[in-house]
Full PDB file with SEQRES, HELIX, SHEET, SSBOND, CRYST1, ORIGX, SCALE, CONECT and MASTER records, all heavy atoms in Angstrom:
SEQRES   1 A   35  GLU ASP ASN TYR TYR MET THR LEU ASN ASP LYS GLU LYS          
SEQRES   2 A   35  VAL TYR THR VAL SER GLY THR ILE LEU ASP THR ILE SER          
SEQRES   3 A   35  TYR GLU LEU ASN ASP PHE LEU GLN LYS                          
HELIX    1 AA1 GLY A   19  ILE A   25  5                                   7    
HELIX    2 AA2 LEU A   29  PHE A   32  5                                   4    
SHEET    1 AA1 2 ASN A   3  MET A   6  0                                        
SHEET    2 AA1 2 TYR A  15  SER A  18 -1                                        
CRYST1    1.000    1.000    1.000  90.00  90.00  90.00 P 1           1          
ORIGX1      1.000000  0.000000  0.000000        0.00000                         
ORIGX2      0.000000  1.000000  0.000000        0.00000                         
ORIGX3      0.000000  0.000000  1.000000        0.00000                         
SCALE1      1.000000  0.000000  0.000000        0.00000                         
SCALE2      0.000000  1.000000  0.000000        0.00000                         
SCALE3      0.000000  0.000000  1.000000        0.00000                         
ATOM      1  N   GLU A   1      -4.021   2.359  17.102  1.00  0.00           N  
ATOM      2  CA  GLU A   1      -2.583   2.350  16.837  1.00  0.00           C  
ATOM      3  C   GLU A   1      -2.362   2.319  15.324  1.00  0.00           C  
ATOM      4  O   GLU A   1      -2.832   3.196  14.629  1.00  0.00           O  
ATOM      5  CB  GLU A   1      -1.922   1.171  17.560  1.00  0.00           C  
ATOM      6  CG  GLU A   1      -2.004   1.298  19.085  1.00  0.00           C  
ATOM      7  CD  GLU A   1      -1.330   0.158  19.812  1.00  0.00           C  
ATOM      8  OE1 GLU A   1      -0.969  -0.857  19.179  1.00  0.00           O  
ATOM      9  OE2 GLU A   1      -1.147   0.292  21.037  1.00  0.00           O  
ATOM     10  N   ASP A   2      -1.672   1.294  14.794  1.00  0.00           N  
ATOM     11  CA  ASP A   2      -1.420   1.227  13.346  1.00  0.00           C  
ATOM     12  C   ASP A   2      -2.482   0.414  12.614  1.00  0.00           C  
ATOM     13  O   ASP A   2      -2.335   0.121  11.419  1.00  0.00           O  
ATOM     14  CB  ASP A   2      -0.044   0.601  13.081  1.00  0.00           C  
ATOM     15  CG  ASP A   2       1.083   1.476  13.596  1.00  0.00           C  
ATOM     16  OD1 ASP A   2       0.912   2.709  13.602  1.00  0.00           O  
ATOM     17  OD2 ASP A   2       2.131   0.926  13.993  1.00  0.00           O  
ATOM     18  N   ASN A   3      -3.536   0.049  13.320  1.00  0.00           N  
ATOM     19  CA  ASN A   3      -4.561  -0.816  12.742  1.00  0.00           C  
ATOM     20  C   ASN A   3      -5.913  -0.115  12.695  1.00  0.00           C  
ATOM     21  O   ASN A   3      -6.061   1.012  13.160  1.00  0.00           O  
ATOM     22  CB  ASN A   3      -4.668  -2.113  13.568  1.00  0.00           C  
ATOM     23  CG  ASN A   3      -3.335  -2.814  13.718  1.00  0.00           C  
ATOM     24  OD1 ASN A   3      -2.589  -2.947  12.746  1.00  0.00           O  
ATOM     25  ND2 ASN A   3      -3.009  -3.263  14.922  1.00  0.00           N  
ATOM     26  N   TYR A   4      -6.894  -0.826  12.130  1.00  0.00           N  
ATOM     27  CA  TYR A   4      -8.271  -0.334  12.085  1.00  0.00           C  
ATOM     28  C   TYR A   4      -9.204  -1.439  12.538  1.00  0.00           C  
ATOM     29  O   TYR A   4      -8.941  -2.619  12.301  1.00  0.00           O  
ATOM     30  CB  TYR A   4      -8.666   0.068  10.656  1.00  0.00           C  
ATOM     31  CG  TYR A   4      -8.232   1.463  10.250  1.00  0.00           C  
ATOM     32  CD1 TYR A   4      -6.973   1.677   9.711  1.00  0.00           C  
ATOM     33  CD2 TYR A   4      -9.085   2.553  10.392  1.00  0.00           C  
ATOM     34  CE1 TYR A   4      -6.563   2.953   9.327  1.00  0.00           C  
ATOM     35  CE2 TYR A   4      -8.686   3.827  10.011  1.00  0.00           C  
ATOM     36  CZ  TYR A   4      -7.431   4.019   9.487  1.00  0.00           C  
ATOM     37  OH  TYR A   4      -7.036   5.272   9.130  1.00  0.00           O  
ATOM     38  N   TYR A   5     -10.316  -1.019  13.182  1.00  0.00           N  
ATOM     39  CA  TYR A   5     -11.378  -1.976  13.439  1.00  0.00           C  
ATOM     40  C   TYR A   5     -12.090  -2.221  12.114  1.00  0.00           C  
ATOM     41  O   TYR A   5     -12.321  -1.299  11.333  1.00  0.00           O  
ATOM     42  CB  TYR A   5     -12.375  -1.437  14.467  1.00  0.00           C  
ATOM     43  CG  TYR A   5     -11.824  -1.382  15.873  1.00  0.00           C  
ATOM     44  CD1 TYR A   5     -11.639  -0.163  16.520  1.00  0.00           C  
ATOM     45  CD2 TYR A   5     -11.499  -2.560  16.559  1.00  0.00           C  
ATOM     46  CE1 TYR A   5     -11.141  -0.115  17.812  1.00  0.00           C  
ATOM     47  CE2 TYR A   5     -10.999  -2.508  17.851  1.00  0.00           C  
ATOM     48  CZ  TYR A   5     -10.816  -1.291  18.466  1.00  0.00           C  
ATOM     49  OH  TYR A   5     -10.308  -1.247  19.748  1.00  0.00           O  
ATOM     50  N   MET A   6     -12.449  -3.465  11.893  1.00  0.00           N  
ATOM     51  CA  MET A   6     -13.083  -3.815  10.624  1.00  0.00           C  
ATOM     52  C   MET A   6     -14.121  -4.913  10.834  1.00  0.00           C  
ATOM     53  O   MET A   6     -13.982  -5.765  11.716  1.00  0.00           O  
ATOM     54  CB  MET A   6     -12.021  -4.313   9.640  1.00  0.00           C  
ATOM     55  CG  MET A   6     -12.575  -4.671   8.277  1.00  0.00           C  
ATOM     56  SD  MET A   6     -11.522  -5.867   7.425  1.00  0.00           S  
ATOM     57  CE  MET A   6     -12.765  -6.742   6.493  1.00  0.00           C  
ATOM     58  N   THR A   7     -15.168  -4.858  10.031  1.00  0.00           N  
ATOM     59  CA  THR A   7     -16.143  -5.935   9.967  1.00  0.00           C  
ATOM     60  C   THR A   7     -16.574  -6.078   8.517  1.00  0.00           C  
ATOM     61  O   THR A   7     -16.123  -5.316   7.652  1.00  0.00           O  
ATOM     62  CB  THR A   7     -17.344  -5.655  10.900  1.00  0.00           C  
ATOM     63  OG1 THR A   7     -18.187  -6.809  10.923  1.00  0.00           O  
ATOM     64  CG2 THR A   7     -18.149  -4.455  10.431  1.00  0.00           C  
ATOM     65  N   LEU A   8     -17.413  -7.054   8.235  1.00  0.00           N  
ATOM     66  CA  LEU A   8     -17.851  -7.225   6.849  1.00  0.00           C  
ATOM     67  C   LEU A   8     -19.240  -7.836   6.798  1.00  0.00           C  
ATOM     68  O   LEU A   8     -19.712  -8.456   7.750  1.00  0.00           O  
ATOM     69  CB  LEU A   8     -16.871  -8.075   6.052  1.00  0.00           C  
ATOM     70  CG  LEU A   8     -16.743  -9.578   6.328  1.00  0.00           C  
ATOM     71  CD1 LEU A   8     -16.022 -10.237   5.158  1.00  0.00           C  
ATOM     72  CD2 LEU A   8     -16.004  -9.876   7.607  1.00  0.00           C  
ATOM     73  N   ASN A   9     -19.871  -7.629   5.677  1.00  0.00           N  
ATOM     74  CA  ASN A   9     -21.200  -8.171   5.370  1.00  0.00           C  
ATOM     75  C   ASN A   9     -22.211  -7.950   6.491  1.00  0.00           C  
ATOM     76  O   ASN A   9     -22.691  -6.849   6.691  1.00  0.00           O  
ATOM     77  CB  ASN A   9     -21.079  -9.648   4.984  1.00  0.00           C  
ATOM     78  CG  ASN A   9     -20.304  -9.824   3.683  1.00  0.00           C  
ATOM     79  OD1 ASN A   9     -20.228  -8.910   2.859  1.00  0.00           O  
ATOM     80  ND2 ASN A   9     -19.707 -10.987   3.489  1.00  0.00           N  
ATOM     81  N   ASP A  10     -22.525  -9.002   7.269  1.00  0.00           N  
ATOM     82  CA  ASP A  10     -23.568  -8.906   8.295  1.00  0.00           C  
ATOM     83  C   ASP A  10     -23.083  -8.260   9.588  1.00  0.00           C  
ATOM     84  O   ASP A  10     -23.848  -8.119  10.553  1.00  0.00           O  
ATOM     85  CB  ASP A  10     -24.151 -10.286   8.604  1.00  0.00           C  
ATOM     86  CG  ASP A  10     -23.074 -11.311   8.961  1.00  0.00           C  
ATOM     87  OD1 ASP A  10     -21.933 -10.892   9.274  1.00  0.00           O  
ATOM     88  OD2 ASP A  10     -23.358 -12.519   8.920  1.00  0.00           O  
ATOM     89  N   LYS A  11     -21.810  -7.909   9.657  1.00  0.00           N  
ATOM     90  CA  LYS A  11     -21.220  -7.228  10.815  1.00  0.00           C  
ATOM     91  C   LYS A  11     -21.284  -8.047  12.108  1.00  0.00           C  
ATOM     92  O   LYS A  11     -21.317  -7.507  13.206  1.00  0.00           O  
ATOM     93  CB  LYS A  11     -21.893  -5.862  11.049  1.00  0.00           C  
ATOM     94  CG  LYS A  11     -21.747  -4.890   9.884  1.00  0.00           C  
ATOM     95  CD  LYS A  11     -22.314  -3.524  10.237  1.00  0.00           C  
ATOM     96  CE  LYS A  11     -22.105  -2.519   9.104  1.00  0.00           C  
ATOM     97  NZ  LYS A  11     -22.633  -1.179   9.447  1.00  0.00           N  
ATOM     98  N   GLU A  12     -21.276  -9.348  11.988  1.00  0.00           N  
ATOM     99  CA  GLU A  12     -21.337 -10.194  13.178  1.00  0.00           C  
ATOM    100  C   GLU A  12     -20.005 -10.253  13.921  1.00  0.00           C  
ATOM    101  O   GLU A  12     -19.972 -10.339  15.143  1.00  0.00           O  
ATOM    102  CB  GLU A  12     -21.764 -11.621  12.797  1.00  0.00           C  
ATOM    103  CG  GLU A  12     -23.256 -11.759  12.531  1.00  0.00           C  
ATOM    104  CD  GLU A  12     -23.679 -13.210  12.424  1.00  0.00           C  
ATOM    105  OE1 GLU A  12     -22.803 -14.093  12.564  1.00  0.00           O  
ATOM    106  OE2 GLU A  12     -24.868 -13.455  12.206  1.00  0.00           O  
ATOM    107  N   LYS A  13     -18.897 -10.220  13.181  1.00  0.00           N  
ATOM    108  CA  LYS A  13     -17.582 -10.317  13.803  1.00  0.00           C  
ATOM    109  C   LYS A  13     -16.804  -9.019  13.602  1.00  0.00           C  
ATOM    110  O   LYS A  13     -16.944  -8.353  12.567  1.00  0.00           O  
ATOM    111  CB  LYS A  13     -16.791 -11.488  13.213  1.00  0.00           C  
ATOM    112  CG  LYS A  13     -17.412 -12.846  13.503  1.00  0.00           C  
ATOM    113  CD  LYS A  13     -16.556 -13.965  12.925  1.00  0.00           C  
ATOM    114  CE  LYS A  13     -17.148 -15.335  13.255  1.00  0.00           C  
ATOM    115  NZ  LYS A  13     -16.317 -16.437  12.704  1.00  0.00           N  
ATOM    116  N   VAL A  14     -15.991  -8.687  14.584  1.00  0.00           N  
ATOM    117  CA  VAL A  14     -15.164  -7.485  14.513  1.00  0.00           C  
ATOM    118  C   VAL A  14     -13.701  -7.897  14.617  1.00  0.00           C  
ATOM    119  O   VAL A  14     -13.340  -8.741  15.444  1.00  0.00           O  
ATOM    120  CB  VAL A  14     -15.511  -6.494  15.644  1.00  0.00           C  
ATOM    121  CG1 VAL A  14     -14.569  -5.291  15.605  1.00  0.00           C  
ATOM    122  CG2 VAL A  14     -16.965  -6.035  15.520  1.00  0.00           C  
ATOM    123  N   TYR A  15     -12.882  -7.282  13.766  1.00  0.00           N  
ATOM    124  CA  TYR A  15     -11.460  -7.605  13.724  1.00  0.00           C  
ATOM    125  C   TYR A  15     -10.649  -6.315  13.842  1.00  0.00           C  
ATOM    126  O   TYR A  15     -11.176  -5.213  13.651  1.00  0.00           O  
ATOM    127  CB  TYR A  15     -11.081  -8.271  12.394  1.00  0.00           C  
ATOM    128  CG  TYR A  15     -11.951  -9.428  11.991  1.00  0.00           C  
ATOM    129  CD1 TYR A  15     -13.104  -9.227  11.219  1.00  0.00           C  
ATOM    130  CD2 TYR A  15     -11.613 -10.734  12.339  1.00  0.00           C  
ATOM    131  CE1 TYR A  15     -13.904 -10.290  10.823  1.00  0.00           C  
ATOM    132  CE2 TYR A  15     -12.404 -11.810  11.943  1.00  0.00           C  
ATOM    133  CZ  TYR A  15     -13.551 -11.581  11.191  1.00  0.00           C  
ATOM    134  OH  TYR A  15     -14.334 -12.641  10.807  1.00  0.00           O  
ATOM    135  N   THR A  16      -9.365  -6.476  14.126  1.00  0.00           N  
ATOM    136  CA  THR A  16      -8.424  -5.387  13.873  1.00  0.00           C  
ATOM    137  C   THR A  16      -7.554  -5.851  12.717  1.00  0.00           C  
ATOM    138  O   THR A  16      -7.105  -7.009  12.688  1.00  0.00           O  
ATOM    139  CB  THR A  16      -7.551  -5.061  15.106  1.00  0.00           C  
ATOM    140  OG1 THR A  16      -6.858  -6.232  15.538  1.00  0.00           O  
ATOM    141  CG2 THR A  16      -8.388  -4.504  16.215  1.00  0.00           C  
ATOM    142  N   VAL A  17      -7.344  -4.959  11.764  1.00  0.00           N  
ATOM    143  CA  VAL A  17      -6.544  -5.295  10.586  1.00  0.00           C  
ATOM    144  C   VAL A  17      -5.522  -4.191  10.349  1.00  0.00           C  
ATOM    145  O   VAL A  17      -5.694  -3.051  10.804  1.00  0.00           O  
ATOM    146  CB  VAL A  17      -7.423  -5.476   9.325  1.00  0.00           C  
ATOM    147  CG1 VAL A  17      -8.402  -6.629   9.503  1.00  0.00           C  
ATOM    148  CG2 VAL A  17      -8.178  -4.192   9.001  1.00  0.00           C  
ATOM    149  N   SER A  18      -4.492  -4.510   9.637  1.00  0.00           N  
ATOM    150  CA  SER A  18      -3.422  -3.546   9.374  1.00  0.00           C  
ATOM    151  C   SER A  18      -3.943  -2.335   8.607  1.00  0.00           C  
ATOM    152  O   SER A  18      -4.691  -2.461   7.630  1.00  0.00           O  
ATOM    153  CB  SER A  18      -2.303  -4.214   8.566  1.00  0.00           C  
ATOM    154  OG  SER A  18      -1.351  -3.258   8.148  1.00  0.00           O  
ATOM    155  N   GLY A  19      -3.521  -1.161   9.051  1.00  0.00           N  
ATOM    156  CA  GLY A  19      -3.932   0.072   8.385  1.00  0.00           C  
ATOM    157  C   GLY A  19      -3.378   0.226   6.986  1.00  0.00           C  
ATOM    158  O   GLY A  19      -3.884   1.023   6.191  1.00  0.00           O  
ATOM    159  N   THR A  20      -2.325  -0.540   6.656  1.00  0.00           N  
ATOM    160  CA  THR A  20      -1.732  -0.439   5.310  1.00  0.00           C  
ATOM    161  C   THR A  20      -2.702  -0.877   4.226  1.00  0.00           C  
ATOM    162  O   THR A  20      -2.526  -0.514   3.063  1.00  0.00           O  
ATOM    163  CB  THR A  20      -0.448  -1.273   5.218  1.00  0.00           C  
ATOM    164  OG1 THR A  20      -0.747  -2.651   5.499  1.00  0.00           O  
ATOM    165  CG2 THR A  20       0.604  -0.778   6.198  1.00  0.00           C  
ATOM    166  N   ILE A  21      -3.707  -1.656   4.591  1.00  0.00           N  
ATOM    167  CA  ILE A  21      -4.699  -2.105   3.605  1.00  0.00           C  
ATOM    168  C   ILE A  21      -5.359  -0.902   2.942  1.00  0.00           C  
ATOM    169  O   ILE A  21      -5.624  -0.905   1.732  1.00  0.00           O  
ATOM    170  CB  ILE A  21      -5.757  -3.000   4.281  1.00  0.00           C  
ATOM    171  CG1 ILE A  21      -5.122  -4.306   4.760  1.00  0.00           C  
ATOM    172  CG2 ILE A  21      -6.918  -3.303   3.328  1.00  0.00           C  
ATOM    173  CD1 ILE A  21      -6.032  -5.135   5.643  1.00  0.00           C  
ATOM    174  N   LEU A  22      -5.612   0.142   3.738  1.00  0.00           N  
ATOM    175  CA  LEU A  22      -6.310   1.315   3.216  1.00  0.00           C  
ATOM    176  C   LEU A  22      -5.412   2.245   2.412  1.00  0.00           C  
ATOM    177  O   LEU A  22      -5.893   3.176   1.781  1.00  0.00           O  
ATOM    178  CB  LEU A  22      -6.963   2.084   4.362  1.00  0.00           C  
ATOM    179  CG  LEU A  22      -8.129   1.354   5.055  1.00  0.00           C  
ATOM    180  CD1 LEU A  22      -8.574   2.113   6.292  1.00  0.00           C  
ATOM    181  CD2 LEU A  22      -9.295   1.174   4.097  1.00  0.00           C  
ATOM    182  N   ASP A  23      -4.104   1.972   2.430  1.00  0.00           N  
ATOM    183  CA  ASP A  23      -3.193   2.799   1.625  1.00  0.00           C  
ATOM    184  C   ASP A  23      -3.552   2.727   0.148  1.00  0.00           C  
ATOM    185  O   ASP A  23      -3.314   3.679  -0.608  1.00  0.00           O  
ATOM    186  CB  ASP A  23      -1.743   2.337   1.810  1.00  0.00           C  
ATOM    187  CG  ASP A  23      -1.205   2.680   3.197  1.00  0.00           C  
ATOM    188  OD1 ASP A  23      -1.853   3.471   3.903  1.00  0.00           O  
ATOM    189  OD2 ASP A  23      -0.150   2.132   3.567  1.00  0.00           O  
ATOM    190  N   THR A  24      -4.136   1.600  -0.270  1.00  0.00           N  
ATOM    191  CA  THR A  24      -4.412   1.400  -1.699  1.00  0.00           C  
ATOM    192  C   THR A  24      -5.537   2.283  -2.227  1.00  0.00           C  
ATOM    193  O   THR A  24      -5.690   2.429  -3.445  1.00  0.00           O  
ATOM    194  CB  THR A  24      -4.755  -0.077  -1.993  1.00  0.00           C  
ATOM    195  OG1 THR A  24      -5.900  -0.469  -1.212  1.00  0.00           O  
ATOM    196  CG2 THR A  24      -3.583  -0.986  -1.660  1.00  0.00           C  
ATOM    197  N   ILE A  25      -6.341   2.876  -1.338  1.00  0.00           N  
ATOM    198  CA  ILE A  25      -7.423   3.760  -1.809  1.00  0.00           C  
ATOM    199  C   ILE A  25      -7.117   5.223  -1.522  1.00  0.00           C  
ATOM    200  O   ILE A  25      -7.939   6.099  -1.822  1.00  0.00           O  
ATOM    201  CB  ILE A  25      -8.790   3.384  -1.198  1.00  0.00           C  
ATOM    202  CG1 ILE A  25      -8.792   3.615   0.318  1.00  0.00           C  
ATOM    203  CG2 ILE A  25      -9.170   1.950  -1.538  1.00  0.00           C  
ATOM    204  CD1 ILE A  25     -10.180   3.538   0.936  1.00  0.00           C  
ATOM    205  N   SER A  26      -5.964   5.501  -0.956  1.00  0.00           N  
ATOM    206  CA  SER A  26      -5.638   6.873  -0.542  1.00  0.00           C  
ATOM    207  C   SER A  26      -5.130   7.722  -1.709  1.00  0.00           C  
ATOM    208  O   SER A  26      -4.039   8.292  -1.665  1.00  0.00           O  
ATOM    209  CB  SER A  26      -4.592   6.835   0.582  1.00  0.00           C  
ATOM    210  OG  SER A  26      -5.063   6.079   1.664  1.00  0.00           O  
ATOM    211  N   TYR A  27      -5.935   7.800  -2.761  1.00  0.00           N  
ATOM    212  CA  TYR A  27      -5.527   8.531  -3.960  1.00  0.00           C  
ATOM    213  C   TYR A  27      -6.690   9.313  -4.534  1.00  0.00           C  
ATOM    214  O   TYR A  27      -7.861   8.964  -4.342  1.00  0.00           O  
ATOM    215  CB  TYR A  27      -5.029   7.565  -5.040  1.00  0.00           C  
ATOM    216  CG  TYR A  27      -3.828   6.748  -4.635  1.00  0.00           C  
ATOM    217  CD1 TYR A  27      -3.972   5.430  -4.213  1.00  0.00           C  
ATOM    218  CD2 TYR A  27      -2.541   7.288  -4.681  1.00  0.00           C  
ATOM    219  CE1 TYR A  27      -2.868   4.669  -3.843  1.00  0.00           C  
ATOM    220  CE2 TYR A  27      -1.433   6.539  -4.318  1.00  0.00           C  
ATOM    221  CZ  TYR A  27      -1.611   5.222  -3.906  1.00  0.00           C  
ATOM    222  OH  TYR A  27      -0.518   4.478  -3.528  1.00  0.00           O  
ATOM    223  N   GLU A  28      -6.354  10.371  -5.267  1.00  0.00           N  
ATOM    224  CA  GLU A  28      -7.347  11.082  -6.050  1.00  0.00           C  
ATOM    225  C   GLU A  28      -7.433  10.430  -7.427  1.00  0.00           C  
ATOM    226  O   GLU A  28      -6.559   9.638  -7.804  1.00  0.00           O  
ATOM    227  CB  GLU A  28      -6.956  12.554  -6.195  1.00  0.00           C  
ATOM    228  CG  GLU A  28      -6.908  13.303  -4.865  1.00  0.00           C  
ATOM    229  CD  GLU A  28      -6.496  14.753  -5.032  1.00  0.00           C  
ATOM    230  OE1 GLU A  28      -6.210  15.157  -6.185  1.00  0.00           O  
ATOM    231  OE2 GLU A  28      -6.462  15.468  -4.029  1.00  0.00           O  
ATOM    232  N   LEU A  29      -8.450  10.778  -8.180  1.00  0.00           N  
ATOM    233  CA  LEU A  29      -8.659  10.126  -9.473  1.00  0.00           C  
ATOM    234  C   LEU A  29      -7.451  10.266 -10.394  1.00  0.00           C  
ATOM    235  O   LEU A  29      -7.050   9.305 -11.056  1.00  0.00           O  
ATOM    236  CB  LEU A  29      -9.910  10.694 -10.159  1.00  0.00           C  
ATOM    237  CG  LEU A  29     -10.260  10.061 -11.517  1.00  0.00           C  
ATOM    238  CD1 LEU A  29     -10.523   8.566 -11.372  1.00  0.00           C  
ATOM    239  CD2 LEU A  29     -11.460  10.755 -12.141  1.00  0.00           C  
ATOM    240  N   ASN A  30      -6.843  11.462 -10.439  1.00  0.00           N  
ATOM    241  CA  ASN A  30      -5.712  11.675 -11.338  1.00  0.00           C  
ATOM    242  C   ASN A  30      -4.517  10.779 -11.016  1.00  0.00           C  
ATOM    243  O   ASN A  30      -3.673  10.528 -11.869  1.00  0.00           O  
ATOM    244  CB  ASN A  30      -5.276  13.141 -11.321  1.00  0.00           C  
ATOM    245  CG  ASN A  30      -6.143  14.008 -12.220  1.00  0.00           C  
ATOM    246  OD1 ASN A  30      -6.860  13.495 -13.081  1.00  0.00           O  
ATOM    247  ND2 ASN A  30      -6.100  15.305 -12.021  1.00  0.00           N  
ATOM    248  N   ASP A  31      -4.452  10.310  -9.761  1.00  0.00           N  
ATOM    249  CA  ASP A  31      -3.366   9.399  -9.390  1.00  0.00           C  
ATOM    250  C   ASP A  31      -3.518   8.046 -10.081  1.00  0.00           C  
ATOM    251  O   ASP A  31      -2.550   7.314 -10.248  1.00  0.00           O  
ATOM    252  CB  ASP A  31      -3.328   9.194  -7.866  1.00  0.00           C  
ATOM    253  CG  ASP A  31      -2.989  10.475  -7.132  1.00  0.00           C  
ATOM    254  OD1 ASP A  31      -2.095  11.202  -7.600  1.00  0.00           O  
ATOM    255  OD2 ASP A  31      -3.619  10.754  -6.098  1.00  0.00           O  
ATOM    256  N   PHE A  32      -4.753   7.704 -10.457  1.00  0.00           N  
ATOM    257  CA  PHE A  32      -5.010   6.428 -11.127  1.00  0.00           C  
ATOM    258  C   PHE A  32      -4.808   6.516 -12.641  1.00  0.00           C  
ATOM    259  O   PHE A  32      -4.963   5.524 -13.347  1.00  0.00           O  
ATOM    260  CB  PHE A  32      -6.445   5.956 -10.849  1.00  0.00           C  
ATOM    261  CG  PHE A  32      -6.694   5.577  -9.420  1.00  0.00           C  
ATOM    262  CD1 PHE A  32      -7.615   6.283  -8.662  1.00  0.00           C  
ATOM    263  CD2 PHE A  32      -6.025   4.523  -8.826  1.00  0.00           C  
ATOM    264  CE1 PHE A  32      -7.856   5.940  -7.338  1.00  0.00           C  
ATOM    265  CE2 PHE A  32      -6.266   4.172  -7.498  1.00  0.00           C  
ATOM    266  CZ  PHE A  32      -7.184   4.875  -6.761  1.00  0.00           C  
ATOM    267  N   LEU A  33      -4.499   7.709 -13.120  1.00  0.00           N  
ATOM    268  CA  LEU A  33      -4.359   7.900 -14.566  1.00  0.00           C  
ATOM    269  C   LEU A  33      -3.010   7.376 -15.064  1.00  0.00           C  
ATOM    270  O   LEU A  33      -1.965   7.729 -14.531  1.00  0.00           O  
ATOM    271  CB  LEU A  33      -4.509   9.381 -14.904  1.00  0.00           C  
ATOM    272  CG  LEU A  33      -4.515   9.750 -16.389  1.00  0.00           C  
ATOM    273  CD1 LEU A  33      -5.479  10.910 -16.629  1.00  0.00           C  
ATOM    274  CD2 LEU A  33      -3.117  10.154 -16.869  1.00  0.00           C  
ATOM    275  N   GLN A  34      -3.061   6.519 -16.076  1.00  0.00           N  
ATOM    276  CA  GLN A  34      -1.849   5.964 -16.661  1.00  0.00           C  
ATOM    277  C   GLN A  34      -1.324   6.896 -17.747  1.00  0.00           C  
ATOM    278  O   GLN A  34      -1.898   7.019 -18.821  1.00  0.00           O  
ATOM    279  CB  GLN A  34      -2.125   4.580 -17.269  1.00  0.00           C  
ATOM    280  CG  GLN A  34      -0.913   3.916 -17.908  1.00  0.00           C  
ATOM    281  CD  GLN A  34       0.175   3.619 -16.903  1.00  0.00           C  
ATOM    282  OE1 GLN A  34      -0.014   2.824 -15.999  1.00  0.00           O  
ATOM    283  NE2 GLN A  34       1.326   4.263 -17.041  1.00  0.00           N  
ATOM    284  N   LYS A  35      -0.218   7.569 -17.440  1.00  0.00           N  
ATOM    285  CA  LYS A  35       0.383   8.454 -18.446  1.00  0.00           C  
ATOM    286  C   LYS A  35       1.121   7.634 -19.498  1.00  0.00           C  
ATOM    287  O   LYS A  35       1.561   6.510 -19.246  1.00  0.00           O  
ATOM    288  CB  LYS A  35       1.382   9.401 -17.784  1.00  0.00           C  
ATOM    289  CG  LYS A  35       0.778  10.441 -16.860  1.00  0.00           C  
ATOM    290  CD  LYS A  35       1.891  11.338 -16.329  1.00  0.00           C  
ATOM    291  CE  LYS A  35       1.383  12.348 -15.331  1.00  0.00           C  
ATOM    292  NZ  LYS A  35       2.484  13.199 -14.818  1.00  0.00           N  
TER     293      LYS A  35                                                      
MASTER        0    0    0    2    2    0    0    6  292    1    0    3          
END                                                                             
């Protein structure tokens, strides 16, 4: 739905987390350029 399955480090636990977290990486390099 609007979430993602996620785990971390040793992958022992699995969570669902909001998909908006990944919005912060949805850019190309030029988008990070400070004009």
